[in-house]
C-alpha atoms as a PDB file:
ATOM      1  CA  UNK A   1       7.481  51.095  -4.960  1.00  0.00           C
ATOM      2  CA  UNK A   2       9.887  48.760  -5.305  1.00  0.00           C
ATOM      3  CA  UNK A   3      10.761  48.013  -9.074  1.00  0.00           C
ATOM      4  CA  UNK A   4      10.888  43.993  -8.325  1.00  0.00           C
ATOM      5  CA  UNK A   5       7.048  44.287  -7.769  1.00  0.00           C
ATOM      6  CA  UNK A   6       6.604  45.482 -11.183  1.00  0.00           C
ATOM      7  CA  UNK A   7       5.514  42.652 -13.099  1.00  0.00           C
ATOM      8  CA  UNK A   8       5.121  42.350 -17.431  1.00  0.00           C
ATOM      9  CA  UNK A   9       1.533  42.818 -18.391  1.00  0.00           C
ATOM     10  CA  UNK A  10       1.067  40.809 -21.938  1.00  0.00           C
ATOM     11  CA  UNK A  11      -0.715  42.602 -24.547  1.00  0.00           C
ATOM     12  CA  UNK A  12      -4.154  40.650 -26.126  1.00  0.00           C
ATOM     13  CA  UNK A  13      -6.064  39.992 -28.961  1.00  0.00           C
ATOM     14  CA  UNK A  14      -9.615  40.538 -29.567  1.00  0.00           C
ATOM     15  CA  UNK A  15     -10.377  37.229 -31.720  1.00  0.00           C
ATOM     16  CA  UNK A  16     -14.223  38.127 -31.710  1.00  0.00           C
ATOM     17  CA  UNK A  17     -16.880  40.757 -30.670  1.00  0.00           C
ATOM     18  CA  UNK A  18     -15.469  44.078 -32.411  1.00  0.00           C
ATOM     19  CA  UNK A  19     -18.167  46.710 -32.524  1.00  0.00           C
ATOM     20  CA  UNK A  20     -20.544  43.983 -32.040  1.00  0.00           C
ATOM     21  CA  UNK A  21     -20.167  43.897 -28.114  1.00  0.00           C
ATOM     22  CA  UNK A  22     -21.592  47.070 -27.508  1.00  0.00           C
ATOM     23  CA  UNK A  23     -24.799  45.530 -29.268  1.00  0.00           C
ATOM     24  CA  UNK A  24     -24.761  42.466 -27.061  1.00  0.00           C
ATOM     25  CA  UNK A  25     -23.096  40.179 -28.640  1.00  0.00           C
ATOM     26  CA  UNK A  26     -20.211  37.488 -27.490  1.00  0.00           C
ATOM     27  CA  UNK A  27     -16.822  38.394 -27.124  1.00  0.00           C
ATOM     28  CA  UNK A  28     -13.555  36.541 -26.923  1.00  0.00           C
ATOM     29  CA  UNK A  29     -10.370  37.785 -26.020  1.00  0.00           C
ATOM     30  CA  UNK A  30      -7.203  36.099 -25.548  1.00  0.00           C
ATOM     31  CA  UNK A  31      -3.809  37.471 -24.126  1.00  0.00           C
ATOM     32  CA  UNK A  32      -0.674  37.736 -26.531  1.00  0.00           C
ATOM     33  CA  UNK A  33       2.785  36.988 -24.611  1.00  0.00           C
ATOM     34  CA  UNK A  34       4.868  38.307 -28.034  1.00  0.00           C
ATOM     35  CA  UNK A  35       4.237  41.932 -26.555  1.00  0.00           C
ATOM     36  CA  UNK A  36       4.466  43.499 -23.259  1.00  0.00           C
ATOM     37  CA  UNK A  37       4.042  46.566 -21.000  1.00  0.00           C
ATOM     38  CA  UNK A  38       5.764  46.705 -17.586  1.00  0.00           C
ATOM     39  CA  UNK A  39       6.566  49.959 -15.368  1.00  0.00           C
ATOM     40  CA  UNK A  40      10.403  50.207 -14.568  1.00  0.00           C
ATOM     41  CA  UNK A  41      12.630  52.626 -12.410  1.00  0.00           C
ATOM     42  CA  UNK A  42      15.523  51.567 -14.500  1.00  0.00           C
ATOM     43  CA  UNK A  43      16.670  53.738 -17.381  1.00  0.00           C
ATOM     44  CA  UNK A  44      18.462  51.266 -19.209  1.00  0.00           C
ATOM     45  CA  UNK A  45      15.281  49.564 -19.805  1.00  0.00           C
ATOM     46  CA  UNK A  46      14.595  52.208 -22.581  1.00  0.00           C
ATOM     47  CA  UNK A  47      16.714  50.396 -24.285  1.00  0.00           C
ATOM     48  CA  UNK A  48      14.980  47.056 -24.142  1.00  0.00           C
ATOM     49  CA  UNK A  49      11.633  48.122 -25.226  1.00  0.00           C
ATOM     50  CA  UNK A  50      10.743  50.221 -28.405  1.00  0.00           C
ATOM     51  CA  UNK A  51       8.694  53.028 -26.428  1.00  0.00           C
ATOM     52  CA  UNK A  52       8.731  54.229 -23.300  1.00  0.00           C
ATOM     53  CA  UNK A  53       6.050  57.027 -22.132  1.00  0.00           C
ATOM     54  CA  UNK A  54       7.389  60.266 -20.850  1.00  0.00           C
ATOM     55  CA  UNK A  55       6.942  61.837 -17.249  1.00  0.00           C
ATOM     56  CA  UNK A  56       4.586  63.961 -19.065  1.00  0.00           C
ATOM     57  CA  UNK A  57       2.393  61.487 -20.307  1.00  0.00           C
ATOM     58  CA  UNK A  58       2.304  59.902 -16.223  1.00  0.00           C
ATOM     59  CA  UNK A  59       1.681  63.199 -15.009  1.00  0.00           C
ATOM     60  CA  UNK A  60      -1.327  63.910 -17.133  1.00  0.00           C
ATOM     61  CA  UNK A  61      -2.950  60.494 -16.564  1.00  0.00           C
ATOM     62  CA  UNK A  62      -1.960  60.921 -12.922  1.00  0.00           C
ATOM     63  CA  UNK A  63      -3.816  64.449 -13.070  1.00  0.00           C
ATOM     64  CA  UNK A  64      -7.215  62.274 -14.998  1.00  0.00           C
ATOM     65  CA  UNK A  65      -7.154  59.717 -12.291  1.00  0.00           C
ATOM     66  CA  UNK A  66      -6.930  62.554  -9.454  1.00  0.00           C
ATOM     67  CA  UNK A  67      -9.975  64.280 -11.387  1.00  0.00           C
ATOM     68  CA  UNK A  68     -11.949  61.054 -11.827  1.00  0.00           C
ATOM     69  CA  UNK A  69     -11.792  60.205  -7.964  1.00  0.00           C
ATOM     70  CA  UNK A  70      -9.794  57.085  -8.509  1.00  0.00           C
ATOM     71  CA  UNK A  71      -7.902  58.550  -5.078  1.00  0.00           C
ATOM     72  CA  UNK A  72     -10.755  56.131  -3.354  1.00  0.00           C
ATOM     73  CA  UNK A  73      -9.395  53.362  -5.410  1.00  0.00           C
ATOM     74  CA  UNK A  74      -5.676  53.842  -5.580  1.00  0.00           C
ATOM     75  CA  UNK A  75      -2.850  55.142  -4.336  1.00  0.00           C
ATOM     76  CA  UNK A  76      -2.036  58.460  -6.263  1.00  0.00           C
ATOM     77  CA  UNK A  77       0.069  60.010  -3.972  1.00  0.00           C
ATOM     78  CA  UNK A  78       2.351  56.888  -3.943  1.00  0.00           C
ATOM     79  CA  UNK A  79       1.690  57.075  -7.935  1.00  0.00           C
ATOM     80  CA  UNK A  80       2.748  60.876  -7.595  1.00  0.00           C
ATOM     81  CA  UNK A  81       6.060  60.132  -5.859  1.00  0.00           C
ATOM     82  CA  UNK A  82       7.312  57.459  -8.174  1.00  0.00           C
ATOM     83  CA  UNK A  83       6.698  59.587 -10.973  1.00  0.00           C
ATOM     84  CA  UNK A  84       8.968  62.469  -9.502  1.00  0.00           C
ATOM     85  CA  UNK A  85      12.111  59.475  -8.645  1.00  0.00           C
ATOM     86  CA  UNK A  86      12.057  58.273 -12.334  1.00  0.00           C
ATOM     87  CA  UNK A  87       9.649  56.036 -13.007  1.00  0.00           C
ATOM     88  CA  UNK A  88       9.290  54.747 -16.737  1.00  0.00           C
ATOM     89  CA  UNK A  89       6.508  52.584 -18.468  1.00  0.00           C
ATOM     90  CA  UNK A  90       7.707  50.386 -20.925  1.00  0.00           C
ATOM     91  CA  UNK A  91       6.347  48.996 -24.251  1.00  0.00           C
ATOM     92  CA  UNK A  92       6.793  47.138 -26.836  1.00  0.00           C
ATOM     93  CA  UNK A  93       3.214  47.202 -27.616  1.00  0.00           C
ATOM     94  CA  UNK A  94       2.485  48.658 -31.315  1.00  0.00           C
ATOM     95  CA  UNK A  95       0.583  51.742 -30.438  1.00  0.00           C
ATOM     96  CA  UNK A  96      -2.741  51.844 -32.593  1.00  0.00           C
ATOM     97  CA  UNK A  97      -2.355  48.173 -33.551  1.00  0.00           C
ATOM     98  CA  UNK A  98      -5.113  46.902 -32.073  1.00  0.00           C
ATOM     99  CA  UNK A  99      -3.276  44.714 -29.457  1.00  0.00           C
ATOM    100  CA  UNK A 100      -4.274  46.401 -26.480  1.00  0.00           C
ATOM    101  CA  UNK A 101      -1.271  48.826 -25.500  1.00  0.00           C
ATOM    102  CA  UNK A 102      -3.441  51.074 -23.413  1.00  0.00           C
ATOM    103  CA  UNK A 103      -4.888  47.997 -21.689  1.00  0.00           C
ATOM    104  CA  UNK A 104      -1.288  47.235 -20.512  1.00  0.00           C
ATOM    105  CA  UNK A 105      -0.707  50.237 -19.283  1.00  0.00           C
ATOM    106  CA  UNK A 106      -3.782  50.242 -17.153  1.00  0.00           C
ATOM    107  CA  UNK A 107      -3.469  46.821 -15.419  1.00  0.00           C
ATOM    108  CA  UNK A 108       0.420  48.081 -14.864  1.00  0.00           C
ATOM    109  CA  UNK A 109      -0.762  51.206 -12.805  1.00  0.00           C
ATOM    110  CA  UNK A 110      -3.432  49.327 -10.978  1.00  0.00           C
ATOM    111  CA  UNK A 111      -1.439  46.419  -9.953  1.00  0.00           C
ATOM    112  CA  UNK A 112       1.171  48.512  -8.417  1.00  0.00           C
ATOM    113  CA  UNK A 113      -1.075  51.334  -6.754  1.00  0.00           C
ATOM    114  CA  UNK A 114      -4.705  49.464  -5.995  1.00  0.00           C
ATOM    115  CA  UNK A 115      -5.684  49.789  -2.179  1.00  0.00           C
ATOM    116  CA  UNK A 116      -7.732  46.873  -1.903  1.00  0.00           C
ATOM    117  CA  UNK A 117      -6.959  44.837  -5.111  1.00  0.00           C
ATOM    118  CA  UNK A 118     -10.259  43.443  -6.629  1.00  0.00           C
ATOM    119  CA  UNK A 119     -10.850  39.701  -7.401  1.00  0.00           C
ATOM    120  CA  UNK A 120     -13.915  39.617  -9.233  1.00  0.00           C
ATOM    121  CA  UNK A 121     -13.439  39.690 -13.062  1.00  0.00           C
ATOM    122  CA  UNK A 122     -17.022  41.714 -13.329  1.00  0.00           C
ATOM    123  CA  UNK A 123     -15.995  44.582 -10.604  1.00  0.00           C
ATOM    124  CA  UNK A 124     -12.362  44.657 -12.468  1.00  0.00           C
ATOM    125  CA  UNK A 125     -13.794  44.808 -15.884  1.00  0.00           C
ATOM    126  CA  UNK A 126     -15.875  48.133 -14.412  1.00  0.00           C
ATOM    127  CA  UNK A 127     -12.752  49.994 -12.994  1.00  0.00           C
ATOM    128  CA  UNK A 128     -10.630  49.410 -15.962  1.00  0.00           C
ATOM    129  CA  UNK A 129     -13.540  50.762 -17.955  1.00  0.00           C
ATOM    130  CA  UNK A 130     -13.292  54.095 -16.232  1.00  0.00           C
ATOM    131  CA  UNK A 131      -9.356  53.711 -15.821  1.00  0.00           C
ATOM    132  CA  UNK A 132      -8.989  53.279 -19.998  1.00  0.00           C
ATOM    133  CA  UNK A 133     -11.557  55.886 -20.612  1.00  0.00           C
ATOM    134  CA  UNK A 134      -8.247  58.242 -20.640  1.00  0.00           C
ATOM    135  CA  UNK A 135      -7.200  56.734 -24.257  1.00  0.00           C
ATOM    136  CA  UNK A 136     -10.933  56.431 -25.848  1.00  0.00           C
ATOM    137  CA  UNK A 137     -13.759  58.412 -24.309  1.00  0.00           C
ATOM    138  CA  UNK A 138     -14.959  55.053 -23.785  1.00  0.00           C
ATOM    139  CA  UNK A 139     -13.965  51.770 -23.057  1.00  0.00           C
ATOM    140  CA  UNK A 140     -15.210  48.220 -22.105  1.00  0.00           C
ATOM    141  CA  UNK A 141     -12.702  47.596 -19.726  1.00  0.00           C
ATOM    142  CA  UNK A 142     -11.917  44.302 -21.226  1.00  0.00           C
ATOM    143  CA  UNK A 143      -8.607  44.605 -22.803  1.00  0.00           C
ATOM    144  CA  UNK A 144      -7.010  45.964 -19.561  1.00  0.00           C
ATOM    145  CA  UNK A 145      -9.065  42.666 -18.233  1.00  0.00           C
ATOM    146  CA  UNK A 146      -7.593  39.917 -20.510  1.00  0.00           C
ATOM    147  CA  UNK A 147      -3.626  41.898 -19.507  1.00  0.00           C
ATOM    148  CA  UNK A 148      -4.319  41.758 -15.959  1.00  0.00           C
ATOM    149  CA  UNK A 149      -5.860  38.501 -15.506  1.00  0.00           C
ATOM    150  CA  UNK A 150      -3.666  37.306 -18.279  1.00  0.00           C
ATOM    151  CA  UNK A 151      -6.375  34.592 -19.159  1.00  0.00           C
ATOM    152  CA  UNK A 152      -8.938  34.583 -22.187  1.00  0.00           C
ATOM    153  CA  UNK A 153     -11.986  35.964 -21.206  1.00  0.00           C
ATOM    154  CA  UNK A 154     -15.550  35.083 -22.798  1.00  0.00           C
ATOM    155  CA  UNK A 155     -18.111  37.663 -22.921  1.00  0.00           C
ATOM    156  CA  UNK A 156     -21.206  35.007 -22.838  1.00  0.00           C
ATOM    157  CA  UNK A 157     -24.496  35.619 -24.724  1.00  0.00           C
ATOM    158  CA  UNK A 158     -25.884  36.368 -21.085  1.00  0.00           C
ATOM    159  CA  UNK A 159     -23.187  39.392 -21.121  1.00  0.00           C
ATOM    160  CA  UNK A 160     -21.567  37.619 -18.462  1.00  0.00           C
ATOM    161  CA  UNK A 161     -17.687  37.237 -17.972  1.00  0.00           C
ATOM    162  CA  UNK A 162     -15.637  34.154 -17.856  1.00  0.00           C
ATOM    163  CA  UNK A 163     -12.467  33.284 -17.843  1.00  0.00           C
ATOM    164  CA  UNK A 164     -11.062  29.996 -20.142  1.00  0.00           C
ATOM    165  CA  UNK A 165      -9.233  28.299 -21.141  1.00  0.00           C
ATOM    166  CA  UNK A 166      -8.840  28.270 -24.870  1.00  0.00           C
ATOM    167  CA  UNK A 167      -8.483  25.094 -26.897  1.00  0.00           C
ATOM    168  CA  UNK A 168      -4.841  23.810 -27.231  1.00  0.00           C
ATOM    169  CA  UNK A 169      -3.073  24.419 -30.403  1.00  0.00           C
ATOM    170  CA  UNK A 170      -2.380  21.318 -32.130  1.00  0.00           C
ATOM    171  CA  UNK A 171      -0.143  20.732 -35.055  1.00  0.00           C
ATOM    172  CA  UNK A 172      -2.815  18.814 -36.852  1.00  0.00           C
ATOM    173  CA  UNK A 173      -5.014  21.077 -37.044  1.00  0.00           C
ATOM    174  CA  UNK A 174      -7.262  22.289 -39.739  1.00  0.00           C
ATOM    175  CA  UNK A 175      -7.955  25.578 -38.998  1.00  0.00           C
ATOM    176  CA  UNK A 176      -4.877  28.121 -38.921  1.00  0.00           C
ATOM    177  CA  UNK A 177      -5.513  31.449 -37.308  1.00  0.00           C
ATOM    178  CA  UNK A 178      -2.482  34.348 -38.015  1.00  0.00           C
ATOM    179  CA  UNK A 179      -2.112  37.884 -37.760  1.00  0.00           C
ATOM    180  CA  UNK A 180      -1.607  40.065 -40.437  1.00  0.00           C
ATOM    181  CA  UNK A 181       0.473  43.511 -40.115  1.00  0.00           C
ATOM    182  CA  UNK A 182      -1.271  46.050 -42.357  1.00  0.00           C
ATOM    183  CA  UNK A 183       1.909  48.182 -41.979  1.00  0.00           C
ATOM    184  CA  UNK A 184      -0.616  51.109 -40.900  1.00  0.00           C
ATOM    185  CA  UNK A 185      -1.818  52.734 -37.587  1.00  0.00           C
ATOM    186  CA  UNK A 186      -5.186  53.145 -36.912  1.00  0.00           C
ATOM    187  CA  UNK A 187      -7.433  55.670 -34.553  1.00  0.00           C
ATOM    188  CA  UNK A 188      -9.990  54.161 -32.550  1.00  0.00           C
ATOM    189  CA  UNK A 189     -12.075  57.172 -31.982  1.00  0.00           C
ATOM    190  CA  UNK A 190     -13.248  58.051 -35.400  1.00  0.00           C
ATOM    191  CA  UNK A 191     -14.062  54.585 -36.689  1.00  0.00           C
ATOM    192  CA  UNK A 192     -16.323  54.259 -33.484  1.00  0.00           C
ATOM    193  CA  UNK A 193     -18.010  57.284 -33.446  1.00  0.00           C
ATOM    194  CA  UNK A 194     -19.005  56.322 -37.680  1.00  0.00           C
ATOM    195  CA  UNK A 195     -19.952  52.899 -36.365  1.00  0.00           C
ATOM    196  CA  UNK A 196     -22.487  54.259 -33.422  1.00  0.00           C
ATOM    197  CA  UNK A 197     -24.060  57.175 -35.563  1.00  0.00           C
ATOM    198  CA  UNK A 198     -24.252  54.073 -38.781  1.00  0.00           C
ATOM    199  CA  UNK A 199     -25.838  52.366 -35.948  1.00  0.00           C
ATOM    200  CA  UNK A 200     -29.097  54.961 -35.629  1.00  0.00           C
ATOM    201  CA  UNK A 201     -29.811  53.998 -39.080  1.00  0.00           C
ATOM    202  CA  UNK A 202     -32.439  51.094 -38.971  1.00  0.00           C
ATOM    203  CA  UNK A 203     -31.423  48.741 -42.194  1.00  0.00           C
ATOM    204  CA  UNK A 204     -27.899  48.852 -40.527  1.00  0.00           C
ATOM    205  CA  UNK A 205     -28.765  47.962 -36.995  1.00  0.00           C
ATOM    206  CA  UNK A 206     -30.903  45.154 -38.485  1.00  0.00           C
ATOM    207  CA  UNK A 207     -28.038  44.294 -41.049  1.00  0.00           C
ATOM    208  CA  UNK A 208     -25.883  44.246 -36.938  1.00  0.00           C
ATOM    209  CA  UNK A 209     -28.300  42.371 -34.898  1.00  0.00           C
ATOM    210  CA  UNK A 210     -29.549  39.877 -38.019  1.00  0.00           C
ATOM    211  CA  UNK A 211     -26.279  39.002 -39.654  1.00  0.00           C
ATOM    212  CA  UNK A 212     -23.461  40.205 -37.636  1.00  0.00           C
ATOM    213  CA  UNK A 213     -23.540  39.350 -34.423  1.00  0.00           C
ATOM    214  CA  UNK A 214     -25.404  35.833 -35.113  1.00  0.00           C
ATOM    215  CA  UNK A 215     -21.777  34.784 -36.939  1.00  0.00           C
ATOM    216  CA  UNK A 216     -19.794  36.259 -33.958  1.00  0.00           C
ATOM    217  CA  UNK A 217     -21.446  34.115 -31.722  1.00  0.00           C
ATOM    218  CA  UNK A 218     -21.516  31.087 -33.700  1.00  0.00           C
ATOM    219  CA  UNK A 219     -17.967  31.852 -34.863  1.00  0.00           C
ATOM    220  CA  UNK A 220     -16.388  31.998 -30.942  1.00  0.00           C
ATOM    221  CA  UNK A 221     -18.900  28.415 -30.203  1.00  0.00           C
ATOM    222  CA  UNK A 222     -17.125  26.935 -32.917  1.00  0.00           C
ATOM    223  CA  UNK A 223     -13.846  28.075 -31.671  1.00  0.00           C
ATOM    224  CA  UNK A 224     -14.476  26.668 -28.535  1.00  0.00           C
ATOM    225  CA  UNK A 225     -15.866  23.296 -29.638  1.00  0.00           C
ATOM    226  CA  UNK A 226     -13.163  23.101 -31.654  1.00  0.00           C
ATOM    227  CA  UNK A 227     -15.591  22.828 -35.155  1.00  0.00           C
ATOM    228  CA  UNK A 228     -13.181  23.702 -37.908  1.00  0.00           C
ATOM    229  CA  UNK A 229     -15.383  23.537 -40.608  1.00  0.00           C
ATOM    230  CA  UNK A 230     -18.216  25.529 -39.452  1.00  0.00           C
ATOM    231  CA  UNK A 231     -15.525  28.230 -37.923  1.00  0.00           C
ATOM    232  CA  UNK A 232     -14.251  28.964 -41.071  1.00  0.00           C
ATOM    233  CA  UNK A 233     -17.841  29.461 -42.572  1.00  0.00           C
ATOM    234  CA  UNK A 234     -18.893  31.769 -40.288  1.00  0.00           C
ATOM    235  CA  UNK A 235     -15.619  33.869 -40.470  1.00  0.00           C
ATOM    236  CA  UNK A 236     -16.075  34.616 -43.985  1.00  0.00           C
ATOM    237  CA  UNK A 237     -19.482  35.450 -43.427  1.00  0.00           C
ATOM    238  CA  UNK A 238     -17.922  38.027 -41.307  1.00  0.00           C
ATOM    239  CA  UNK A 239     -15.137  38.762 -43.549  1.00  0.00           C
ATOM    240  CA  UNK A 240     -17.838  39.387 -46.564  1.00  0.00           C
ATOM    241  CA  UNK A 241     -19.862  41.684 -43.864  1.00  0.00           C
ATOM    242  CA  UNK A 242     -17.200  43.806 -43.323  1.00  0.00           C
ATOM    243  CA  UNK A 243     -15.957  44.501 -46.639  1.00  0.00           C
ATOM    244  CA  UNK A 244     -19.723  45.253 -47.771  1.00  0.00           C
ATOM    245  CA  UNK A 245     -20.466  47.641 -44.616  1.00  0.00           C
ATOM    246  CA  UNK A 246     -17.603  48.361 -42.771  1.00  0.00           C
ATOM    247  CA  UNK A 247     -15.388  49.206 -45.785  1.00  0.00           C
ATOM    248  CA  UNK A 248     -14.478  52.329 -42.914  1.00  0.00           C
ATOM    249  CA  UNK A 249     -12.637  50.287 -40.901  1.00  0.00           C
ATOM    250  CA  UNK A 250     -10.496  47.828 -43.721  1.00  0.00           C
ATOM    251  CA  UNK A 251      -7.216  50.032 -44.418  1.00  0.00           C
ATOM    252  CA  UNK A 252      -6.507  50.757 -47.938  1.00  0.00           C
ATOM    253  CA  UNK A 253      -3.166  48.775 -47.760  1.00  0.00           C
ATOM    254  CA  UNK A 254      -4.967  45.807 -47.255  1.00  0.00           C
ATOM    255  CA  UNK A 255      -8.636  46.173 -49.202  1.00  0.00           C
ATOM    256  CA  UNK A 256      -6.990  44.234 -52.118  1.00  0.00           C
ATOM    257  CA  UNK A 257      -5.957  41.028 -50.190  1.00  0.00           C
ATOM    258  CA  UNK A 258      -9.329  41.369 -48.257  1.00  0.00           C
ATOM    259  CA  UNK A 259     -11.295  41.116 -51.435  1.00  0.00           C
ATOM    260  CA  UNK A 260      -9.148  38.129 -53.134  1.00  0.00           C
ATOM    261  CA  UNK A 261      -9.392  36.246 -49.938  1.00  0.00           C
ATOM    262  CA  UNK A 262     -13.087  36.509 -50.315  1.00  0.00           C
ATOM    263  CA  UNK A 263     -13.014  35.576 -54.096  1.00  0.00           C
ATOM    264  CA  UNK A 264     -10.303  32.129 -53.645  1.00  0.00           C
ATOM    265  CA  UNK A 265     -11.799  31.129 -50.460  1.00  0.00           C
ATOM    266  CA  UNK A 266      -8.425  30.322 -49.569  1.00  0.00           C
ATOM    267  CA  UNK A 267      -8.352  32.858 -46.404  1.00  0.00           C
ATOM    268  CA  UNK A 268     -10.818  35.350 -44.920  1.00  0.00           C
ATOM    269  CA  UNK A 269      -9.622  38.161 -42.894  1.00  0.00           C
ATOM    270  CA  UNK A 270     -11.361  40.056 -40.312  1.00  0.00           C
ATOM    271  CA  UNK A 271     -10.946  42.955 -38.003  1.00  0.00           C
ATOM    272  CA  UNK A 272      -8.456  42.531 -34.912  1.00  0.00           C
ATOM    273  CA  UNK A 273     -10.170  45.140 -32.445  1.00  0.00           C
ATOM    274  CA  UNK A 274     -11.348  48.630 -33.921  1.00  0.00           C
ATOM    275  CA  UNK A 275      -9.672  48.542 -37.451  1.00  0.00           C
ATOM    276  CA  UNK A 276      -8.442  51.714 -39.521  1.00  0.00           C
ATOM    277  CA  UNK A 277      -4.912  49.947 -39.442  1.00  0.00           C
ATOM    278  CA  UNK A 278      -2.282  47.654 -37.279  1.00  0.00           C
ATOM    279  CA  UNK A 279      -2.984  44.052 -37.453  1.00  0.00           C
ATOM    280  CA  UNK A 280      -5.715  42.036 -38.695  1.00  0.00           C
ATOM    281  CA  UNK A 281      -6.838  38.704 -38.304  1.00  0.00           C
ATOM    282  CA  UNK A 282      -6.614  35.770 -40.777  1.00  0.00           C
ATOM    283  CA  UNK A 283      -8.166  32.541 -40.675  1.00  0.00           C
ATOM    284  CA  UNK A 284      -7.212  29.684 -43.270  1.00  0.00           C
ATOM    285  CA  UNK A 285      -7.145  25.894 -43.837  1.00  0.00           C
ATOM    286  CA  UNK A 286      -4.818  26.045 -46.097  1.00  0.00           C
ATOM    287  CA  UNK A 287      -1.320  27.860 -44.867  1.00  0.00           C
ATOM    288  CA  UNK A 288       0.881  27.531 -47.904  1.00  0.00           C
ATOM    289  CA  UNK A 289      -1.923  28.872 -50.082  1.00  0.00           C
ATOM    290  CA  UNK A 290      -2.439  31.685 -47.939  1.00  0.00           C
ATOM    291  CA  UNK A 291       1.341  32.485 -47.756  1.00  0.00           C
ATOM    292  CA  UNK A 292       1.256  32.371 -51.367  1.00  0.00           C
ATOM    293  CA  UNK A 293      -1.615  34.184 -52.446  1.00  0.00           C
ATOM    294  CA  UNK A 294      -0.481  37.073 -49.827  1.00  0.00           C
ATOM    295  CA  UNK A 295       2.535  38.569 -50.910  1.00  0.00           C
ATOM    296  CA  UNK A 296       4.521  41.711 -49.015  1.00  0.00           C
ATOM    297  CA  UNK A 297       2.516  41.054 -45.488  1.00  0.00           C
ATOM    298  CA  UNK A 298       3.925  39.669 -42.111  1.00  0.00           C
ATOM    299  CA  UNK A 299       2.097  36.438 -41.488  1.00  0.00           C
ATOM    300  CA  UNK A 300       2.599  34.902 -38.178  1.00  0.00           C
ATOM    301  CA  UNK A 301       0.391  31.839 -37.140  1.00  0.00           C
ATOM    302  CA  UNK A 302      -1.108  32.494 -33.610  1.00  0.00           C
ATOM    303  CA  UNK A 303      -3.289  29.259 -33.377  1.00  0.00           C
ATOM    304  CA  UNK A 304      -4.416  26.125 -34.832  1.00  0.00           C
ATOM    305  CA  UNK A 305      -6.766  23.926 -34.054  1.00  0.00           C
END
């Protein structure tokens, strides 16, 4: 494989749909160009990114793809040959941070070795779901899809995929969306397992269906419509619901400031992916007051509308 044919694949941010996507809610995920993953044969590339995946890792993933029958879709012989001749997977996407590190790698491998690359989002998502199961045991395939297409992806109320342009970032906006670094890592599988078990309980299931999913769907619609006031109200509902019902997903390092936001109503926090660590999403109408209220944590504004 010619090294020049290896493009970057960006990380992603799941704005809405964490957990509820599994049970019929809408979801909205966007690419995030600050972080990326890329395949390379250049050993000097190890100095340009914070992490590279070992040959042992690549051999294990190749074996997984072989065992799962991906030889019908991917040129695994070429993949194996490249591994033997110094292939690297480079990334500066923080691992276990909810930013889609595995999704970017899956997109990279599919791009390099697909025999007959698919173009339909639904078909791609199905293939990516199986490829990414190597990491999490179960995957929606949404993260690799966003990385591969480098477009925002909406799962609408009918469960269909749409690629779309998110509202343009404005300087005069009334709502700020930001990332907050919890300074800890999260493990996806144990949290997903806990959620699936809790959902078997009628009271928990009803609260997800009657409170969490409607607020998620409304929040997405508000965001796409540019309705900042109703958007912030629905975000507050999601933040409060998570604090009261999904406490396991909130890292200890941020429980105090999460609660503080609910009390002062200046900002509200929600999960960015499965939770447990990594990044959180934050929302506010007053960025300066938010920065003054949250001390000791890095905040990065990613959208204003």
